[in-house]
């Protein structure tokens, strides 16, 4: 059994979709990011960065010992779950290398740029025109990277659906909601629809959907919890 620490966001969907695709047994441990659950001391032991998603595998694969195995960071979780099941990662080492490239590209580029764009579009108060333009442009650039990659293929690596598609897709799913139409990216739009048609993807996105209703951190207390956090060395937050 896998404990899945989750909230319905693009980052959470990466792993909810993967768990559904792999048909693994899991139980959801909600991490209400609007209420500040991610800063609980118990969760900090699992996810040192105070971010979900995270998992605890109570039946680790051989070599990881017999005690429950915590894993944080979506790319690390994804690689572990694919290795555990032997699925959604190509056996060919060259193709596996390409999957890794697109996993790490997502966590270093598409995700952070989309996340910062979302912050300045949906949450930031006051005049942040430069910052909003900066992240809109960077998100647009990332869509261009995907467009070039998908112009001649249905999926990101080797013509086959893989964990690379799962990790990247949620941050494209929300493009229109963030005010970025995909009209100029026809290959990306087609890929978005192709992945969205999968039943496991639909189940992953639907997981906990009701929890997010009205959860846009509108109150001052919620905003204070989500934003303007500063680090300390004792595990608490300023």
C-alpha atoms as a PDB file:
ATOM      1  CA  UNK A   1       0.000   0.000   0.000  1.00  0.00           C
ATOM      2  CA  UNK A   2       1.152   3.525  -0.828  1.00  0.00           C
ATOM      3  CA  UNK A   3       0.213   6.592   1.192  1.00  0.00           C
ATOM      4  CA  UNK A   4      -0.249   9.427  -1.279  1.00  0.00           C
ATOM      5  CA  UNK A   5       0.062  12.953   0.082  1.00  0.00           C
ATOM      6  CA  UNK A   6      -1.952  15.018  -2.355  1.00  0.00           C
ATOM      7  CA  UNK A   7      -3.964  18.079  -3.217  1.00  0.00           C
ATOM      8  CA  UNK A   8      -5.678  18.603  -6.613  1.00  0.00           C
ATOM      9  CA  UNK A   9      -3.167  20.813  -8.428  1.00  0.00           C
ATOM     10  CA  UNK A  10      -1.071  20.214 -11.548  1.00  0.00           C
ATOM     11  CA  UNK A  11       1.787  18.919  -9.410  1.00  0.00           C
ATOM     12  CA  UNK A  12      -0.545  16.608  -7.515  1.00  0.00           C
ATOM     13  CA  UNK A  13      -2.076  15.356 -10.761  1.00  0.00           C
ATOM     14  CA  UNK A  14       1.292  14.165 -12.012  1.00  0.00           C
ATOM     15  CA  UNK A  15       1.313  11.419  -9.411  1.00  0.00           C
ATOM     16  CA  UNK A  16      -2.445  10.782  -9.146  1.00  0.00           C
ATOM     17  CA  UNK A  17      -2.477  10.079 -12.888  1.00  0.00           C
ATOM     18  CA  UNK A  18       0.605   7.875 -12.633  1.00  0.00           C
ATOM     19  CA  UNK A  19      -0.858   5.840  -9.756  1.00  0.00           C
ATOM     20  CA  UNK A  20      -4.039   5.322 -11.769  1.00  0.00           C
ATOM     21  CA  UNK A  21      -2.150   4.354 -14.919  1.00  0.00           C
ATOM     22  CA  UNK A  22      -0.059   1.849 -12.965  1.00  0.00           C
ATOM     23  CA  UNK A  23      -3.111   0.488 -11.094  1.00  0.00           C
ATOM     24  CA  UNK A  24      -1.273   0.634  -7.784  1.00  0.00           C
ATOM     25  CA  UNK A  25      -3.069   0.397  -4.457  1.00  0.00           C
ATOM     26  CA  UNK A  26      -2.917   3.734  -2.667  1.00  0.00           C
ATOM     27  CA  UNK A  27      -4.737   5.724  -0.029  1.00  0.00           C
ATOM     28  CA  UNK A  28      -4.972   9.471  -0.248  1.00  0.00           C
ATOM     29  CA  UNK A  29      -3.636  11.641   2.559  1.00  0.00           C
ATOM     30  CA  UNK A  30      -5.031  15.104   1.785  1.00  0.00           C
ATOM     31  CA  UNK A  31      -2.581  17.977   2.164  1.00  0.00           C
ATOM     32  CA  UNK A  32      -4.751  21.104   2.171  1.00  0.00           C
ATOM     33  CA  UNK A  33      -2.291  23.687   0.933  1.00  0.00           C
ATOM     34  CA  UNK A  34      -4.747  26.514   1.661  1.00  0.00           C
ATOM     35  CA  UNK A  35      -4.937  25.478   5.310  1.00  0.00           C
ATOM     36  CA  UNK A  36      -1.166  25.052   5.626  1.00  0.00           C
ATOM     37  CA  UNK A  37      -1.093  21.262   6.037  1.00  0.00           C
ATOM     38  CA  UNK A  38       2.169  21.213   4.071  1.00  0.00           C
ATOM     39  CA  UNK A  39       3.919  22.910   6.998  1.00  0.00           C
ATOM     40  CA  UNK A  40       2.945  20.314   9.601  1.00  0.00           C
ATOM     41  CA  UNK A  41       5.944  18.789  11.357  1.00  0.00           C
ATOM     42  CA  UNK A  42       4.764  15.256  10.511  1.00  0.00           C
ATOM     43  CA  UNK A  43       4.646  16.071   6.809  1.00  0.00           C
ATOM     44  CA  UNK A  44       8.054  17.755   6.999  1.00  0.00           C
ATOM     45  CA  UNK A  45       9.533  14.380   7.933  1.00  0.00           C
ATOM     46  CA  UNK A  46       8.251  13.011   4.615  1.00  0.00           C
ATOM     47  CA  UNK A  47       8.735  16.067   2.420  1.00  0.00           C
ATOM     48  CA  UNK A  48      11.613  18.299   3.638  1.00  0.00           C
ATOM     49  CA  UNK A  49      10.606  20.997   1.131  1.00  0.00           C
ATOM     50  CA  UNK A  50       7.087  21.265   2.620  1.00  0.00           C
ATOM     51  CA  UNK A  51       5.557  20.554  -0.772  1.00  0.00           C
ATOM     52  CA  UNK A  52       3.258  17.884  -2.058  1.00  0.00           C
ATOM     53  CA  UNK A  53       3.050  15.445  -3.749  1.00  0.00           C
ATOM     54  CA  UNK A  54       4.880  12.890  -1.666  1.00  0.00           C
ATOM     55  CA  UNK A  55       4.420   9.192  -1.034  1.00  0.00           C
ATOM     56  CA  UNK A  56       5.238   6.581   1.560  1.00  0.00           C
ATOM     57  CA  UNK A  57       5.540   3.073   0.133  1.00  0.00           C
ATOM     58  CA  UNK A  58       4.790   0.477   2.801  1.00  0.00           C
ATOM     59  CA  UNK A  59       6.040  -2.330   0.568  1.00  0.00           C
ATOM     60  CA  UNK A  60       9.248  -0.976  -0.980  1.00  0.00           C
ATOM     61  CA  UNK A  61      10.905  -2.677  -3.906  1.00  0.00           C
ATOM     62  CA  UNK A  62      13.840  -4.991  -3.089  1.00  0.00           C
ATOM     63  CA  UNK A  63      16.950  -3.139  -2.076  1.00  0.00           C
ATOM     64  CA  UNK A  64      15.138  -0.418  -0.135  1.00  0.00           C
ATOM     65  CA  UNK A  65      14.728  -2.397   3.074  1.00  0.00           C
ATOM     66  CA  UNK A  66      11.604  -3.490   4.886  1.00  0.00           C
ATOM     67  CA  UNK A  67      10.559  -0.236   6.529  1.00  0.00           C
ATOM     68  CA  UNK A  68       8.169   2.287   4.927  1.00  0.00           C
ATOM     69  CA  UNK A  69       9.899   4.337   2.243  1.00  0.00           C
ATOM     70  CA  UNK A  70       9.129   8.079   1.974  1.00  0.00           C
ATOM     71  CA  UNK A  71       9.779   9.848  -1.336  1.00  0.00           C
ATOM     72  CA  UNK A  72       9.299  13.514  -2.167  1.00  0.00           C
ATOM     73  CA  UNK A  73       9.636  15.447  -5.450  1.00  0.00           C
ATOM     74  CA  UNK A  74       7.455  14.374  -8.356  1.00  0.00           C
ATOM     75  CA  UNK A  75      10.239  13.249 -10.712  1.00  0.00           C
ATOM     76  CA  UNK A  76      11.804  11.060  -8.009  1.00  0.00           C
ATOM     77  CA  UNK A  77       8.405   9.570  -7.182  1.00  0.00           C
ATOM     78  CA  UNK A  78       7.704   8.941 -10.853  1.00  0.00           C
ATOM     79  CA  UNK A  79      10.993   7.189 -11.511  1.00  0.00           C
ATOM     80  CA  UNK A  80      10.573   5.019  -8.426  1.00  0.00           C
ATOM     81  CA  UNK A  81       6.999   3.958  -9.292  1.00  0.00           C
ATOM     82  CA  UNK A  82       7.968   3.134 -12.872  1.00  0.00           C
ATOM     83  CA  UNK A  83      10.865   1.029 -11.613  1.00  0.00           C
ATOM     84  CA  UNK A  84       8.580  -0.665  -9.069  1.00  0.00           C
ATOM     85  CA  UNK A  85       6.139  -1.749 -11.778  1.00  0.00           C
ATOM     86  CA  UNK A  86       8.386  -1.987 -14.824  1.00  0.00           C
ATOM     87  CA  UNK A  87       5.937   0.157 -16.772  1.00  0.00           C
ATOM     88  CA  UNK A  88       5.795   3.510 -18.574  1.00  0.00           C
ATOM     89  CA  UNK A  89       9.589   3.705 -18.814  1.00  0.00           C
ATOM     90  CA  UNK A  90      11.208   2.366 -22.019  1.00  0.00           C
ATOM     91  CA  UNK A  91      13.520  -0.630 -21.721  1.00  0.00           C
ATOM     92  CA  UNK A  92      15.821   0.813 -24.391  1.00  0.00           C
ATOM     93  CA  UNK A  93      18.476   2.803 -22.472  1.00  0.00           C
ATOM     94  CA  UNK A  94      18.604   5.555 -25.094  1.00  0.00           C
ATOM     95  CA  UNK A  95      14.858   6.074 -24.868  1.00  0.00           C
ATOM     96  CA  UNK A  96      14.982   5.864 -21.061  1.00  0.00           C
ATOM     97  CA  UNK A  97      17.600   8.606 -21.195  1.00  0.00           C
ATOM     98  CA  UNK A  98      15.192  10.742 -23.235  1.00  0.00           C
ATOM     99  CA  UNK A  99      12.404  10.134 -20.725  1.00  0.00           C
ATOM    100  CA  UNK A 100      14.711  11.344 -17.957  1.00  0.00           C
ATOM    101  CA  UNK A 101      15.516  14.454 -19.983  1.00  0.00           C
ATOM    102  CA  UNK A 102      11.839  15.341 -20.310  1.00  0.00           C
ATOM    103  CA  UNK A 103      11.151  14.554 -16.652  1.00  0.00           C
ATOM    104  CA  UNK A 104      13.909  16.883 -15.516  1.00  0.00           C
ATOM    105  CA  UNK A 105      12.996  19.484 -18.135  1.00  0.00           C
ATOM    106  CA  UNK A 106       9.490  19.606 -16.705  1.00  0.00           C
ATOM    107  CA  UNK A 107      10.548  20.046 -13.097  1.00  0.00           C
ATOM    108  CA  UNK A 108      13.158  22.652 -14.072  1.00  0.00           C
ATOM    109  CA  UNK A 109      11.288  24.570 -16.768  1.00  0.00           C
ATOM    110  CA  UNK A 110       7.633  23.997 -17.621  1.00  0.00           C
ATOM    111  CA  UNK A 111       6.464  23.481 -14.040  1.00  0.00           C
ATOM    112  CA  UNK A 112       8.295  26.383 -12.361  1.00  0.00           C
ATOM    113  CA  UNK A 113       7.521  28.803 -15.190  1.00  0.00           C
ATOM    114  CA  UNK A 114       3.855  27.783 -15.217  1.00  0.00           C
ATOM    115  CA  UNK A 115       3.695  27.968 -11.442  1.00  0.00           C
ATOM    116  CA  UNK A 116       5.162  31.466 -11.304  1.00  0.00           C
ATOM    117  CA  UNK A 117       2.885  32.577 -14.125  1.00  0.00           C
ATOM    118  CA  UNK A 118      -0.110  31.255 -12.201  1.00  0.00           C
ATOM    119  CA  UNK A 119       1.008  33.122  -9.086  1.00  0.00           C
ATOM    120  CA  UNK A 120       1.258  36.498 -10.797  1.00  0.00           C
ATOM    121  CA  UNK A 121      -1.905  35.970 -12.860  1.00  0.00           C
ATOM    122  CA  UNK A 122      -4.116  34.611 -10.076  1.00  0.00           C
ATOM    123  CA  UNK A 123      -2.724  35.731  -6.736  1.00  0.00           C
ATOM    124  CA  UNK A 124      -0.247  38.622  -6.766  1.00  0.00           C
ATOM    125  CA  UNK A 125      -1.594  41.955  -5.599  1.00  0.00           C
ATOM    126  CA  UNK A 126      -0.529  45.311  -6.949  1.00  0.00           C
ATOM    127  CA  UNK A 127       1.313  46.116 -10.165  1.00  0.00           C
ATOM    128  CA  UNK A 128       3.628  43.295 -11.202  1.00  0.00           C
ATOM    129  CA  UNK A 129       3.518  43.869 -14.942  1.00  0.00           C
ATOM    130  CA  UNK A 130       7.148  42.982 -15.552  1.00  0.00           C
ATOM    131  CA  UNK A 131       7.016  39.766 -13.497  1.00  0.00           C
ATOM    132  CA  UNK A 132       3.755  38.663 -15.103  1.00  0.00           C
ATOM    133  CA  UNK A 133       5.102  39.346 -18.596  1.00  0.00           C
ATOM    134  CA  UNK A 134       8.350  37.553 -17.771  1.00  0.00           C
ATOM    135  CA  UNK A 135       6.637  34.340 -16.689  1.00  0.00           C
ATOM    136  CA  UNK A 136       4.004  34.484 -19.425  1.00  0.00           C
ATOM    137  CA  UNK A 137       6.821  34.681 -21.959  1.00  0.00           C
ATOM    138  CA  UNK A 138       8.747  31.843 -20.319  1.00  0.00           C
ATOM    139  CA  UNK A 139       5.656  29.629 -20.202  1.00  0.00           C
ATOM    140  CA  UNK A 140       5.015  30.483 -23.861  1.00  0.00           C
ATOM    141  CA  UNK A 141       8.622  29.564 -24.657  1.00  0.00           C
ATOM    142  CA  UNK A 142       8.170  26.189 -22.937  1.00  0.00           C
ATOM    143  CA  UNK A 143       5.061  25.497 -25.002  1.00  0.00           C
ATOM    144  CA  UNK A 144       7.191  26.220 -28.047  1.00  0.00           C
ATOM    145  CA  UNK A 145       9.725  23.613 -26.902  1.00  0.00           C
ATOM    146  CA  UNK A 146       6.933  21.054 -26.612  1.00  0.00           C
ATOM    147  CA  UNK A 147       5.494  22.078 -29.974  1.00  0.00           C
ATOM    148  CA  UNK A 148       8.778  21.421 -31.765  1.00  0.00           C
ATOM    149  CA  UNK A 149       9.102  18.073 -30.021  1.00  0.00           C
ATOM    150  CA  UNK A 150       5.556  16.950 -30.836  1.00  0.00           C
ATOM    151  CA  UNK A 151       5.370  18.148 -34.434  1.00  0.00           C
ATOM    152  CA  UNK A 152       6.495  14.760 -35.734  1.00  0.00           C
ATOM    153  CA  UNK A 153       5.358  12.414 -32.964  1.00  0.00           C
ATOM    154  CA  UNK A 154       2.267  11.538 -30.942  1.00  0.00           C
ATOM    155  CA  UNK A 155       4.093  11.326 -27.611  1.00  0.00           C
ATOM    156  CA  UNK A 156       7.251  12.838 -26.193  1.00  0.00           C
ATOM    157  CA  UNK A 157       9.522   9.794 -26.373  1.00  0.00           C
ATOM    158  CA  UNK A 158       9.740   6.929 -28.827  1.00  0.00           C
ATOM    159  CA  UNK A 159       6.222   7.266 -30.174  1.00  0.00           C
ATOM    160  CA  UNK A 160       4.856   5.608 -27.048  1.00  0.00           C
ATOM    161  CA  UNK A 161       2.926   7.034 -24.104  1.00  0.00           C
ATOM    162  CA  UNK A 162       5.258   7.197 -21.122  1.00  0.00           C
ATOM    163  CA  UNK A 163       5.826   8.812 -17.761  1.00  0.00           C
ATOM    164  CA  UNK A 164       7.341  11.761 -19.648  1.00  0.00           C
ATOM    165  CA  UNK A 165       3.888  12.585 -21.005  1.00  0.00           C
ATOM    166  CA  UNK A 166       2.262  12.147 -17.591  1.00  0.00           C
ATOM    167  CA  UNK A 167       4.682  14.509 -15.844  1.00  0.00           C
ATOM    168  CA  UNK A 168       4.405  17.261 -18.463  1.00  0.00           C
ATOM    169  CA  UNK A 169       0.719  17.102 -19.313  1.00  0.00           C
ATOM    170  CA  UNK A 170      -0.901  18.669 -16.200  1.00  0.00           C
ATOM    171  CA  UNK A 171       0.914  21.961 -16.727  1.00  0.00           C
ATOM    172  CA  UNK A 172      -0.430  22.083 -20.279  1.00  0.00           C
ATOM    173  CA  UNK A 173      -3.933  21.074 -19.219  1.00  0.00           C
ATOM    174  CA  UNK A 174      -4.308  24.397 -17.386  1.00  0.00           C
ATOM    175  CA  UNK A 175      -2.933  26.605 -20.185  1.00  0.00           C
ATOM    176  CA  UNK A 176      -6.302  27.998 -21.256  1.00  0.00           C
ATOM    177  CA  UNK A 177      -7.356  28.617 -17.656  1.00  0.00           C
ATOM    178  CA  UNK A 178      -4.236  30.761 -17.237  1.00  0.00           C
ATOM    179  CA  UNK A 179      -5.076  32.787 -20.337  1.00  0.00           C
ATOM    180  CA  UNK A 180      -2.698  31.034 -22.721  1.00  0.00           C
ATOM    181  CA  UNK A 181      -4.609  29.611 -25.707  1.00  0.00           C
ATOM    182  CA  UNK A 182      -3.048  26.718 -27.594  1.00  0.00           C
ATOM    183  CA  UNK A 183      -4.123  27.963 -31.033  1.00  0.00           C
ATOM    184  CA  UNK A 184      -0.505  28.680 -31.935  1.00  0.00           C
ATOM    185  CA  UNK A 185       0.596  25.254 -30.751  1.00  0.00           C
ATOM    186  CA  UNK A 186      -1.444  22.725 -32.761  1.00  0.00           C
ATOM    187  CA  UNK A 187       0.779  19.727 -31.997  1.00  0.00           C
ATOM    188  CA  UNK A 188       0.633  20.491 -28.275  1.00  0.00           C
ATOM    189  CA  UNK A 189      -3.143  20.912 -28.447  1.00  0.00           C
ATOM    190  CA  UNK A 190      -3.529  17.561 -30.214  1.00  0.00           C
ATOM    191  CA  UNK A 191      -1.265  15.860 -27.643  1.00  0.00           C
ATOM    192  CA  UNK A 192      -3.205  17.476 -24.807  1.00  0.00           C
ATOM    193  CA  UNK A 193      -6.434  16.003 -26.181  1.00  0.00           C
ATOM    194  CA  UNK A 194      -4.855  12.620 -26.853  1.00  0.00           C
ATOM    195  CA  UNK A 195      -3.657  12.264 -23.270  1.00  0.00           C
ATOM    196  CA  UNK A 196      -6.870  13.706 -21.798  1.00  0.00           C
ATOM    197  CA  UNK A 197      -8.896  10.969 -23.502  1.00  0.00           C
ATOM    198  CA  UNK A 198      -7.265   8.279 -21.362  1.00  0.00           C
ATOM    199  CA  UNK A 199      -9.535   6.978 -18.604  1.00  0.00           C
ATOM    200  CA  UNK A 200      -6.730   6.784 -16.039  1.00  0.00           C
ATOM    201  CA  UNK A 201      -5.865  10.416 -16.736  1.00  0.00           C
ATOM    202  CA  UNK A 202      -9.470  11.431 -16.185  1.00  0.00           C
ATOM    203  CA  UNK A 203      -9.573   9.546 -12.883  1.00  0.00           C
ATOM    204  CA  UNK A 204      -6.330  11.149 -11.759  1.00  0.00           C
ATOM    205  CA  UNK A 205      -7.544  14.669 -12.474  1.00  0.00           C
ATOM    206  CA  UNK A 206     -10.912  13.988 -10.834  1.00  0.00           C
ATOM    207  CA  UNK A 207      -9.304  12.804  -7.597  1.00  0.00           C
ATOM    208  CA  UNK A 208     -10.320  15.159  -4.796  1.00  0.00           C
ATOM    209  CA  UNK A 209     -11.811  17.658  -7.230  1.00  0.00           C
ATOM    210  CA  UNK A 210     -14.428  18.779  -4.709  1.00  0.00           C
ATOM    211  CA  UNK A 211     -11.716  19.766  -2.224  1.00  0.00           C
ATOM    212  CA  UNK A 212     -10.428  22.501  -4.504  1.00  0.00           C
ATOM    213  CA  UNK A 213     -13.793  24.233  -4.876  1.00  0.00           C
ATOM    214  CA  UNK A 214     -13.362  27.779  -3.656  1.00  0.00           C
ATOM    215  CA  UNK A 215      -9.835  27.040  -2.526  1.00  0.00           C
ATOM    216  CA  UNK A 216      -8.130  29.965  -4.235  1.00  0.00           C
ATOM    217  CA  UNK A 217      -6.561  31.344  -1.054  1.00  0.00           C
ATOM    218  CA  UNK A 218      -8.762  34.429  -1.012  1.00  0.00           C
ATOM    219  CA  UNK A 219      -8.595  35.120   2.706  1.00  0.00           C
ATOM    220  CA  UNK A 220      -5.704  37.006   4.247  1.00  0.00           C
ATOM    221  CA  UNK A 221      -4.890  34.088   6.548  1.00  0.00           C
ATOM    222  CA  UNK A 222      -4.802  31.651   3.622  1.00  0.00           C
ATOM    223  CA  UNK A 223      -2.585  33.996   1.622  1.00  0.00           C
ATOM    224  CA  UNK A 224      -0.244  34.382   4.589  1.00  0.00           C
ATOM    225  CA  UNK A 225       0.012  30.591   4.834  1.00  0.00           C
ATOM    226  CA  UNK A 226       0.648  30.004   1.145  1.00  0.00           C
ATOM    227  CA  UNK A 227       2.889  32.942   0.293  1.00  0.00           C
ATOM    228  CA  UNK A 228       5.786  34.957   1.697  1.00  0.00           C
ATOM    229  CA  UNK A 229       7.236  32.010   3.590  1.00  0.00           C
ATOM    230  CA  UNK A 230      10.836  32.322   4.714  1.00  0.00           C
ATOM    231  CA  UNK A 231      13.222  29.565   5.705  1.00  0.00           C
ATOM    232  CA  UNK A 232      14.673  28.759   9.064  1.00  0.00           C
ATOM    233  CA  UNK A 233      17.077  26.083  10.203  1.00  0.00           C
ATOM    234  CA  UNK A 234      14.822  24.450  12.806  1.00  0.00           C
ATOM    235  CA  UNK A 235      12.058  23.189  10.525  1.00  0.00           C
ATOM    236  CA  UNK A 236       9.615  26.008  11.247  1.00  0.00           C
ATOM    237  CA  UNK A 237       8.771  28.880   8.939  1.00  0.00           C
ATOM    238  CA  UNK A 238       9.077  32.628   9.424  1.00  0.00           C
END
